[in-house]
């Protein structure tokens, strides 16, 4: 697992990409400890995701420490090279589509309809088919600069979401197992339904509600959707080049100046 994740980030691959390449690349297999060439991947791709969730952030920090320890042992890095460091923050973008109100409403309607079907909750109407048609119409109206029609269709789509939320609440009222099954989905759908422009905490993706909108201040890309991360590297190049001495995810879009001291202390 550790070998797969190192290869994944070295070559900037997805979980699927590194698993696919592992099958036909003998160097990848040897790096991960195989002695003989394997013709099939020995596990499910989703195991990588489950493993990351199990080990947590602390174990990933241990991996960084172990790589630096190995560099010190081999003479690729010396103490004097890490006395001066460069600290910076950037955005780790999340794999989501560009968020729009229409997409979020449709995603919430689709997911609630699917969940109701799985739990045998009979709805007055699922609105899945008609909401998909409205999303297509809204895109065409906006492309043609017909904003009044687009706003009218968006309002209708929001009405559909409100109806399905209220319908599900009525059907599951008094049924504790069903309330538990719908709890998280209804909470997300309600947040999407009540979104306002001035809200500080917004949902930009149904499958990744933790995504944040971060201003980049660049003309070609004013905003990015993901998580702010901090990176620390050595200023003076070591015999083997520059190393990532510390990295951490910074949730909540903190001000860069407030992250400097805790990140340096964590690196030390």
C-alpha atoms as a PDB file:
ATOM      1  CA  UNK A   1       0.000   0.000   0.000  1.00  0.00           C
ATOM      2  CA  UNK A   2       2.796   2.427   0.880  1.00  0.00           C
ATOM      3  CA  UNK A   3       4.582   1.646  -2.388  1.00  0.00           C
ATOM      4  CA  UNK A   4       1.422   2.214  -4.408  1.00  0.00           C
ATOM      5  CA  UNK A   5       0.794   5.584  -2.788  1.00  0.00           C
ATOM      6  CA  UNK A   6       4.398   6.728  -3.307  1.00  0.00           C
ATOM      7  CA  UNK A   7       4.162   5.777  -6.998  1.00  0.00           C
ATOM      8  CA  UNK A   8       0.767   7.451  -7.278  1.00  0.00           C
ATOM      9  CA  UNK A   9       2.088  10.832  -6.123  1.00  0.00           C
ATOM     10  CA  UNK A  10       5.453  10.525  -7.913  1.00  0.00           C
ATOM     11  CA  UNK A  11       3.758  10.124 -11.294  1.00  0.00           C
ATOM     12  CA  UNK A  12       0.612  12.163 -10.500  1.00  0.00           C
ATOM     13  CA  UNK A  13      -1.759   9.247 -11.111  1.00  0.00           C
ATOM     14  CA  UNK A  14      -5.246   8.456  -9.848  1.00  0.00           C
ATOM     15  CA  UNK A  15      -5.993   5.316  -7.825  1.00  0.00           C
ATOM     16  CA  UNK A  16      -7.289   3.648 -10.997  1.00  0.00           C
ATOM     17  CA  UNK A  17      -4.265   4.820 -13.004  1.00  0.00           C
ATOM     18  CA  UNK A  18      -1.621   3.497 -10.617  1.00  0.00           C
ATOM     19  CA  UNK A  19      -3.438   0.140 -10.293  1.00  0.00           C
ATOM     20  CA  UNK A  20      -3.700  -0.193 -14.078  1.00  0.00           C
ATOM     21  CA  UNK A  21      -0.042   0.681 -14.636  1.00  0.00           C
ATOM     22  CA  UNK A  22       1.097  -1.675 -11.864  1.00  0.00           C
ATOM     23  CA  UNK A  23      -0.192  -4.681 -13.847  1.00  0.00           C
ATOM     24  CA  UNK A  24       2.059  -4.142 -16.890  1.00  0.00           C
ATOM     25  CA  UNK A  25       5.026  -2.269 -15.350  1.00  0.00           C
ATOM     26  CA  UNK A  26       7.600  -4.646 -13.767  1.00  0.00           C
ATOM     27  CA  UNK A  27       9.412  -1.706 -12.137  1.00  0.00           C
ATOM     28  CA  UNK A  28       6.217  -0.743 -10.261  1.00  0.00           C
ATOM     29  CA  UNK A  29       5.807  -4.343  -9.081  1.00  0.00           C
ATOM     30  CA  UNK A  30       9.428  -4.620  -7.936  1.00  0.00           C
ATOM     31  CA  UNK A  31       9.126  -1.273  -6.098  1.00  0.00           C
ATOM     32  CA  UNK A  32       6.130  -2.666  -4.188  1.00  0.00           C
ATOM     33  CA  UNK A  33       8.035  -5.814  -3.147  1.00  0.00           C
ATOM     34  CA  UNK A  34       7.008  -8.398  -5.738  1.00  0.00           C
ATOM     35  CA  UNK A  35       9.650 -11.006  -6.640  1.00  0.00           C
ATOM     36  CA  UNK A  36       7.882 -12.399  -9.712  1.00  0.00           C
ATOM     37  CA  UNK A  37       5.878 -10.659 -12.420  1.00  0.00           C
ATOM     38  CA  UNK A  38       2.139 -10.622 -11.651  1.00  0.00           C
ATOM     39  CA  UNK A  39      -0.493 -10.625 -14.411  1.00  0.00           C
ATOM     40  CA  UNK A  40      -3.382  -9.496 -12.196  1.00  0.00           C
ATOM     41  CA  UNK A  41      -3.743  -6.783  -9.593  1.00  0.00           C
ATOM     42  CA  UNK A  42      -3.878  -8.561  -6.197  1.00  0.00           C
ATOM     43  CA  UNK A  43      -6.721  -6.522  -4.658  1.00  0.00           C
ATOM     44  CA  UNK A  44      -9.647  -4.215  -5.336  1.00  0.00           C
ATOM     45  CA  UNK A  45      -8.872  -0.618  -6.333  1.00  0.00           C
ATOM     46  CA  UNK A  46     -11.199   0.689  -3.597  1.00  0.00           C
ATOM     47  CA  UNK A  47      -8.882  -0.877  -0.992  1.00  0.00           C
ATOM     48  CA  UNK A  48      -6.545   2.109  -1.441  1.00  0.00           C
ATOM     49  CA  UNK A  49      -9.326   4.513  -0.421  1.00  0.00           C
ATOM     50  CA  UNK A  50     -10.332   2.358   2.552  1.00  0.00           C
ATOM     51  CA  UNK A  51      -6.689   2.102   3.660  1.00  0.00           C
ATOM     52  CA  UNK A  52      -6.214   5.889   3.605  1.00  0.00           C
ATOM     53  CA  UNK A  53      -9.314   6.348   5.758  1.00  0.00           C
ATOM     54  CA  UNK A  54      -8.139   3.730   8.255  1.00  0.00           C
ATOM     55  CA  UNK A  55      -4.580   4.983   8.775  1.00  0.00           C
ATOM     56  CA  UNK A  56      -5.495   8.691   8.962  1.00  0.00           C
ATOM     57  CA  UNK A  57      -3.307  11.803   8.792  1.00  0.00           C
ATOM     58  CA  UNK A  58      -0.863  10.797  11.516  1.00  0.00           C
ATOM     59  CA  UNK A  59       0.356   7.769   9.583  1.00  0.00           C
ATOM     60  CA  UNK A  60       0.941   9.919   6.473  1.00  0.00           C
ATOM     61  CA  UNK A  61       3.095  12.244   8.591  1.00  0.00           C
ATOM     62  CA  UNK A  62       5.057   9.182   9.705  1.00  0.00           C
ATOM     63  CA  UNK A  63       5.703   8.290   6.056  1.00  0.00           C
ATOM     64  CA  UNK A  64       7.189  11.753   5.417  1.00  0.00           C
ATOM     65  CA  UNK A  65       9.388  11.408   8.514  1.00  0.00           C
ATOM     66  CA  UNK A  66      10.555   7.968   7.380  1.00  0.00           C
ATOM     67  CA  UNK A  67      11.506   9.239   3.915  1.00  0.00           C
ATOM     68  CA  UNK A  68      13.531  12.093   5.488  1.00  0.00           C
ATOM     69  CA  UNK A  69      15.185   9.651   7.915  1.00  0.00           C
ATOM     70  CA  UNK A  70      16.207   7.465   4.972  1.00  0.00           C
ATOM     71  CA  UNK A  71      17.609  10.530   3.171  1.00  0.00           C
ATOM     72  CA  UNK A  72      19.716  11.402   6.249  1.00  0.00           C
ATOM     73  CA  UNK A  73      21.028   7.825   6.543  1.00  0.00           C
ATOM     74  CA  UNK A  74      22.068   7.742   2.877  1.00  0.00           C
ATOM     75  CA  UNK A  75      23.711  11.184   3.014  1.00  0.00           C
ATOM     76  CA  UNK A  76      21.234  12.700   0.549  1.00  0.00           C
ATOM     77  CA  UNK A  77      20.198  15.309   3.114  1.00  0.00           C
ATOM     78  CA  UNK A  78      22.128  17.015   5.931  1.00  0.00           C
ATOM     79  CA  UNK A  79      21.022  19.018   8.965  1.00  0.00           C
ATOM     80  CA  UNK A  80      22.646  22.228   7.716  1.00  0.00           C
ATOM     81  CA  UNK A  81      20.434  22.116   4.589  1.00  0.00           C
ATOM     82  CA  UNK A  82      17.214  22.307   6.615  1.00  0.00           C
ATOM     83  CA  UNK A  83      18.174  25.259   8.805  1.00  0.00           C
ATOM     84  CA  UNK A  84      16.632  27.688   6.267  1.00  0.00           C
ATOM     85  CA  UNK A  85      13.258  26.687   4.874  1.00  0.00           C
ATOM     86  CA  UNK A  86      10.633  28.101   2.522  1.00  0.00           C
ATOM     87  CA  UNK A  87       7.013  27.963   3.696  1.00  0.00           C
ATOM     88  CA  UNK A  88       4.135  28.441   1.272  1.00  0.00           C
ATOM     89  CA  UNK A  89       0.465  27.592   0.904  1.00  0.00           C
ATOM     90  CA  UNK A  90      -1.422  26.568  -2.207  1.00  0.00           C
ATOM     91  CA  UNK A  91      -4.684  24.903  -3.193  1.00  0.00           C
ATOM     92  CA  UNK A  92      -5.091  21.161  -3.535  1.00  0.00           C
ATOM     93  CA  UNK A  93      -7.961  21.042  -6.058  1.00  0.00           C
ATOM     94  CA  UNK A  94     -10.706  18.471  -5.604  1.00  0.00           C
ATOM     95  CA  UNK A  95     -11.975  16.335  -8.481  1.00  0.00           C
ATOM     96  CA  UNK A  96     -15.366  18.022  -8.836  1.00  0.00           C
ATOM     97  CA  UNK A  97     -17.183  19.726 -11.693  1.00  0.00           C
ATOM     98  CA  UNK A  98     -17.613  23.484 -11.633  1.00  0.00           C
ATOM     99  CA  UNK A  99     -20.435  24.013  -9.095  1.00  0.00           C
ATOM    100  CA  UNK A 100     -23.723  25.617 -10.148  1.00  0.00           C
ATOM    101  CA  UNK A 101     -27.066  25.854  -8.347  1.00  0.00           C
ATOM    102  CA  UNK A 102     -28.774  23.818 -11.079  1.00  0.00           C
ATOM    103  CA  UNK A 103     -26.242  20.956 -10.790  1.00  0.00           C
ATOM    104  CA  UNK A 104     -26.522  20.863  -6.997  1.00  0.00           C
ATOM    105  CA  UNK A 105     -30.338  20.864  -7.022  1.00  0.00           C
ATOM    106  CA  UNK A 106     -30.415  18.068  -9.616  1.00  0.00           C
ATOM    107  CA  UNK A 107     -27.795  16.024  -7.729  1.00  0.00           C
ATOM    108  CA  UNK A 108     -29.761  16.324  -4.470  1.00  0.00           C
ATOM    109  CA  UNK A 109     -33.034  15.331  -6.184  1.00  0.00           C
ATOM    110  CA  UNK A 110     -31.392  12.340  -7.908  1.00  0.00           C
ATOM    111  CA  UNK A 111     -29.731  11.092  -4.720  1.00  0.00           C
ATOM    112  CA  UNK A 112     -32.856  11.467  -2.566  1.00  0.00           C
ATOM    113  CA  UNK A 113     -34.940   9.659  -5.204  1.00  0.00           C
ATOM    114  CA  UNK A 114     -32.434   6.790  -5.342  1.00  0.00           C
ATOM    115  CA  UNK A 115     -32.279   6.559  -1.541  1.00  0.00           C
ATOM    116  CA  UNK A 116     -36.091   6.505  -1.310  1.00  0.00           C
ATOM    117  CA  UNK A 117     -36.217   3.663  -3.838  1.00  0.00           C
ATOM    118  CA  UNK A 118     -33.603   1.641  -1.934  1.00  0.00           C
ATOM    119  CA  UNK A 119     -35.531   2.029   1.350  1.00  0.00           C
ATOM    120  CA  UNK A 120     -38.952   1.344  -0.232  1.00  0.00           C
ATOM    121  CA  UNK A 121     -40.255   4.842   0.523  1.00  0.00           C
ATOM    122  CA  UNK A 122     -42.997   5.612  -1.990  1.00  0.00           C
ATOM    123  CA  UNK A 123     -42.852   9.248  -3.093  1.00  0.00           C
ATOM    124  CA  UNK A 124     -45.611  11.267  -4.747  1.00  0.00           C
ATOM    125  CA  UNK A 125     -43.124  12.034  -7.509  1.00  0.00           C
ATOM    126  CA  UNK A 126     -39.344  11.548  -7.695  1.00  0.00           C
ATOM    127  CA  UNK A 127     -38.740  14.493 -10.097  1.00  0.00           C
ATOM    128  CA  UNK A 128     -35.584  12.762 -11.385  1.00  0.00           C
ATOM    129  CA  UNK A 129     -36.562  12.826 -15.072  1.00  0.00           C
ATOM    130  CA  UNK A 130     -38.061  16.331 -15.123  1.00  0.00           C
ATOM    131  CA  UNK A 131     -35.146  17.804 -13.142  1.00  0.00           C
ATOM    132  CA  UNK A 132     -32.670  16.432 -15.683  1.00  0.00           C
ATOM    133  CA  UNK A 133     -34.632  18.093 -18.493  1.00  0.00           C
ATOM    134  CA  UNK A 134     -34.620  21.402 -16.582  1.00  0.00           C
ATOM    135  CA  UNK A 135     -30.843  21.286 -16.043  1.00  0.00           C
ATOM    136  CA  UNK A 136     -30.342  20.903 -19.803  1.00  0.00           C
ATOM    137  CA  UNK A 137     -32.751  23.789 -20.483  1.00  0.00           C
ATOM    138  CA  UNK A 138     -31.032  26.071 -17.965  1.00  0.00           C
ATOM    139  CA  UNK A 139     -27.660  25.462 -19.626  1.00  0.00           C
ATOM    140  CA  UNK A 140     -29.112  26.334 -23.034  1.00  0.00           C
ATOM    141  CA  UNK A 141     -30.901  29.449 -21.746  1.00  0.00           C
ATOM    142  CA  UNK A 142     -27.716  30.775 -20.130  1.00  0.00           C
ATOM    143  CA  UNK A 143     -25.721  30.055 -23.306  1.00  0.00           C
ATOM    144  CA  UNK A 144     -28.292  32.044 -25.309  1.00  0.00           C
ATOM    145  CA  UNK A 145     -28.221  34.890 -22.699  1.00  0.00           C
ATOM    146  CA  UNK A 146     -31.931  34.282 -21.923  1.00  0.00           C
ATOM    147  CA  UNK A 147     -31.508  34.962 -18.227  1.00  0.00           C
ATOM    148  CA  UNK A 148     -35.196  35.416 -17.352  1.00  0.00           C
ATOM    149  CA  UNK A 149     -36.026  31.957 -18.673  1.00  0.00           C
ATOM    150  CA  UNK A 150     -32.975  30.508 -16.917  1.00  0.00           C
ATOM    151  CA  UNK A 151     -33.972  32.046 -13.553  1.00  0.00           C
ATOM    152  CA  UNK A 152     -37.562  30.815 -13.968  1.00  0.00           C
ATOM    153  CA  UNK A 153     -36.379  27.251 -14.675  1.00  0.00           C
ATOM    154  CA  UNK A 154     -33.907  27.386 -11.765  1.00  0.00           C
ATOM    155  CA  UNK A 155     -36.707  28.481  -9.421  1.00  0.00           C
ATOM    156  CA  UNK A 156     -38.839  25.561 -10.636  1.00  0.00           C
ATOM    157  CA  UNK A 157     -35.940  23.159 -10.023  1.00  0.00           C
ATOM    158  CA  UNK A 158     -35.537  24.488  -6.474  1.00  0.00           C
ATOM    159  CA  UNK A 159     -39.283  23.991  -5.929  1.00  0.00           C
ATOM    160  CA  UNK A 160     -38.932  20.334  -6.958  1.00  0.00           C
ATOM    161  CA  UNK A 161     -36.147  19.855  -4.398  1.00  0.00           C
ATOM    162  CA  UNK A 162     -38.257  21.439  -1.639  1.00  0.00           C
ATOM    163  CA  UNK A 163     -41.197  19.183  -2.489  1.00  0.00           C
ATOM    164  CA  UNK A 164     -39.156  15.973  -2.362  1.00  0.00           C
ATOM    165  CA  UNK A 165     -37.529  17.007   0.970  1.00  0.00           C
ATOM    166  CA  UNK A 166     -40.942  17.656   2.558  1.00  0.00           C
ATOM    167  CA  UNK A 167     -42.423  14.486   1.074  1.00  0.00           C
ATOM    168  CA  UNK A 168     -39.618  12.298   2.480  1.00  0.00           C
ATOM    169  CA  UNK A 169     -39.917  13.931   5.912  1.00  0.00           C
ATOM    170  CA  UNK A 170     -43.633  13.159   6.016  1.00  0.00           C
ATOM    171  CA  UNK A 171     -43.086   9.531   4.950  1.00  0.00           C
ATOM    172  CA  UNK A 172     -40.299   8.774   7.466  1.00  0.00           C
ATOM    173  CA  UNK A 173     -41.871  10.617  10.418  1.00  0.00           C
ATOM    174  CA  UNK A 174     -41.982   8.270  13.412  1.00  0.00           C
ATOM    175  CA  UNK A 175     -39.761   5.603  11.772  1.00  0.00           C
ATOM    176  CA  UNK A 176     -36.371   5.729  13.511  1.00  0.00           C
ATOM    177  CA  UNK A 177     -34.476   3.312  11.169  1.00  0.00           C
ATOM    178  CA  UNK A 178     -35.586   5.336   8.133  1.00  0.00           C
ATOM    179  CA  UNK A 179     -34.735   8.627   9.860  1.00  0.00           C
ATOM    180  CA  UNK A 180     -31.218   7.341  10.460  1.00  0.00           C
ATOM    181  CA  UNK A 181     -30.878   6.195   6.823  1.00  0.00           C
ATOM    182  CA  UNK A 182     -31.984   9.589   5.450  1.00  0.00           C
ATOM    183  CA  UNK A 183     -30.347  11.789   8.104  1.00  0.00           C
ATOM    184  CA  UNK A 184     -27.130  12.840   6.311  1.00  0.00           C
ATOM    185  CA  UNK A 185     -28.697  13.112   2.855  1.00  0.00           C
ATOM    186  CA  UNK A 186     -31.604  15.241   4.079  1.00  0.00           C
ATOM    187  CA  UNK A 187     -29.214  17.512   5.979  1.00  0.00           C
ATOM    188  CA  UNK A 188     -27.105  18.099   2.859  1.00  0.00           C
ATOM    189  CA  UNK A 189     -30.201  18.599   0.692  1.00  0.00           C
ATOM    190  CA  UNK A 190     -31.578  21.153   3.173  1.00  0.00           C
ATOM    191  CA  UNK A 191     -28.275  23.086   3.139  1.00  0.00           C
ATOM    192  CA  UNK A 192     -28.320  23.148  -0.669  1.00  0.00           C
ATOM    193  CA  UNK A 193     -31.970  24.244  -0.689  1.00  0.00           C
ATOM    194  CA  UNK A 194     -31.293  27.110   1.747  1.00  0.00           C
ATOM    195  CA  UNK A 195     -28.054  28.328   0.134  1.00  0.00           C
ATOM    196  CA  UNK A 196     -27.712  32.101  -0.120  1.00  0.00           C
ATOM    197  CA  UNK A 197     -25.089  34.225  -1.810  1.00  0.00           C
ATOM    198  CA  UNK A 198     -23.903  35.778   1.467  1.00  0.00           C
ATOM    199  CA  UNK A 199     -23.488  32.451   3.332  1.00  0.00           C
ATOM    200  CA  UNK A 200     -19.932  31.802   4.525  1.00  0.00           C
ATOM    201  CA  UNK A 201     -20.287  28.011   4.673  1.00  0.00           C
ATOM    202  CA  UNK A 202     -21.509  26.594   1.376  1.00  0.00           C
ATOM    203  CA  UNK A 203     -21.761  23.180  -0.240  1.00  0.00           C
ATOM    204  CA  UNK A 204     -20.085  23.037  -3.648  1.00  0.00           C
ATOM    205  CA  UNK A 205     -20.329  19.293  -4.287  1.00  0.00           C
ATOM    206  CA  UNK A 206     -22.745  16.593  -3.170  1.00  0.00           C
ATOM    207  CA  UNK A 207     -20.155  13.788  -2.918  1.00  0.00           C
ATOM    208  CA  UNK A 208     -17.494  16.063  -1.370  1.00  0.00           C
ATOM    209  CA  UNK A 209     -19.217  18.584   0.943  1.00  0.00           C
ATOM    210  CA  UNK A 210     -15.864  19.457   2.543  1.00  0.00           C
ATOM    211  CA  UNK A 211     -14.746  21.312  -0.618  1.00  0.00           C
ATOM    212  CA  UNK A 212     -13.998  25.014  -0.099  1.00  0.00           C
ATOM    213  CA  UNK A 213     -13.877  27.896  -2.593  1.00  0.00           C
ATOM    214  CA  UNK A 214     -10.437  29.534  -2.393  1.00  0.00           C
ATOM    215  CA  UNK A 215      -9.501  32.732  -4.197  1.00  0.00           C
ATOM    216  CA  UNK A 216      -6.285  32.440  -6.218  1.00  0.00           C
ATOM    217  CA  UNK A 217      -6.121  36.056  -7.387  1.00  0.00           C
ATOM    218  CA  UNK A 218      -4.989  35.040 -10.880  1.00  0.00           C
ATOM    219  CA  UNK A 219      -6.611  36.352 -14.040  1.00  0.00           C
ATOM    220  CA  UNK A 220      -6.881  32.957 -15.729  1.00  0.00           C
ATOM    221  CA  UNK A 221      -8.151  31.193 -12.601  1.00  0.00           C
ATOM    222  CA  UNK A 222      -9.743  33.519  -9.984  1.00  0.00           C
ATOM    223  CA  UNK A 223     -11.064  30.662  -7.818  1.00  0.00           C
ATOM    224  CA  UNK A 224     -10.226  27.039  -7.155  1.00  0.00           C
ATOM    225  CA  UNK A 225     -12.332  24.444  -5.368  1.00  0.00           C
ATOM    226  CA  UNK A 226     -10.521  22.186  -2.940  1.00  0.00           C
ATOM    227  CA  UNK A 227      -8.513  22.554   0.270  1.00  0.00           C
ATOM    228  CA  UNK A 228      -5.687  24.879   1.288  1.00  0.00           C
ATOM    229  CA  UNK A 229      -2.421  23.036   1.996  1.00  0.00           C
ATOM    230  CA  UNK A 230       0.892  24.121   3.471  1.00  0.00           C
ATOM    231  CA  UNK A 231       4.260  22.994   2.051  1.00  0.00           C
ATOM    232  CA  UNK A 232       7.717  23.423   3.581  1.00  0.00           C
ATOM    233  CA  UNK A 233      10.943  22.772   1.639  1.00  0.00           C
ATOM    234  CA  UNK A 234      14.614  23.446   2.234  1.00  0.00           C
ATOM    235  CA  UNK A 235      15.926  26.705   0.687  1.00  0.00           C
ATOM    236  CA  UNK A 236      19.483  25.479   0.063  1.00  0.00           C
ATOM    237  CA  UNK A 237      19.530  22.425  -2.175  1.00  0.00           C
ATOM    238  CA  UNK A 238      20.799  19.218  -0.569  1.00  0.00           C
ATOM    239  CA  UNK A 239      23.059  16.755  -2.445  1.00  0.00           C
ATOM    240  CA  UNK A 240      19.893  15.029  -3.696  1.00  0.00           C
ATOM    241  CA  UNK A 241      17.990  18.265  -4.349  1.00  0.00           C
ATOM    242  CA  UNK A 242      14.995  19.722  -2.514  1.00  0.00           C
ATOM    243  CA  UNK A 243      12.818  17.753  -0.097  1.00  0.00           C
ATOM    244  CA  UNK A 244       9.284  18.258   1.192  1.00  0.00           C
ATOM    245  CA  UNK A 245       9.979  18.608   4.909  1.00  0.00           C
ATOM    246  CA  UNK A 246       6.371  19.007   6.015  1.00  0.00           C
ATOM    247  CA  UNK A 247       2.912  19.229   4.514  1.00  0.00           C
ATOM    248  CA  UNK A 248      -0.539  19.617   6.052  1.00  0.00           C
ATOM    249  CA  UNK A 249      -4.130  20.277   5.021  1.00  0.00           C
ATOM    250  CA  UNK A 250      -5.540  23.561   6.345  1.00  0.00           C
ATOM    251  CA  UNK A 251      -9.319  23.380   6.560  1.00  0.00           C
ATOM    252  CA  UNK A 252     -11.471  26.449   7.019  1.00  0.00           C
ATOM    253  CA  UNK A 253      -9.520  28.747   4.655  1.00  0.00           C
ATOM    254  CA  UNK A 254      -7.219  30.239   7.327  1.00  0.00           C
ATOM    255  CA  UNK A 255      -5.189  33.405   6.692  1.00  0.00           C
ATOM    256  CA  UNK A 256      -1.654  32.511   5.552  1.00  0.00           C
ATOM    257  CA  UNK A 257      -0.002  34.608   8.253  1.00  0.00           C
ATOM    258  CA  UNK A 258      -1.819  32.675  10.973  1.00  0.00           C
ATOM    259  CA  UNK A 259      -0.574  29.308   9.660  1.00  0.00           C
ATOM    260  CA  UNK A 260       3.131  30.186   9.513  1.00  0.00           C
ATOM    261  CA  UNK A 261       4.091  29.633  13.182  1.00  0.00           C
ATOM    262  CA  UNK A 262       2.198  26.329  13.763  1.00  0.00           C
ATOM    263  CA  UNK A 263       3.487  24.862  10.485  1.00  0.00           C
ATOM    264  CA  UNK A 264       7.135  25.687  11.318  1.00  0.00           C
ATOM    265  CA  UNK A 265       6.695  24.207  14.820  1.00  0.00           C
ATOM    266  CA  UNK A 266       5.132  21.061  13.336  1.00  0.00           C
ATOM    267  CA  UNK A 267       8.032  20.726  10.895  1.00  0.00           C
ATOM    268  CA  UNK A 268      10.593  21.051  13.693  1.00  0.00           C
END
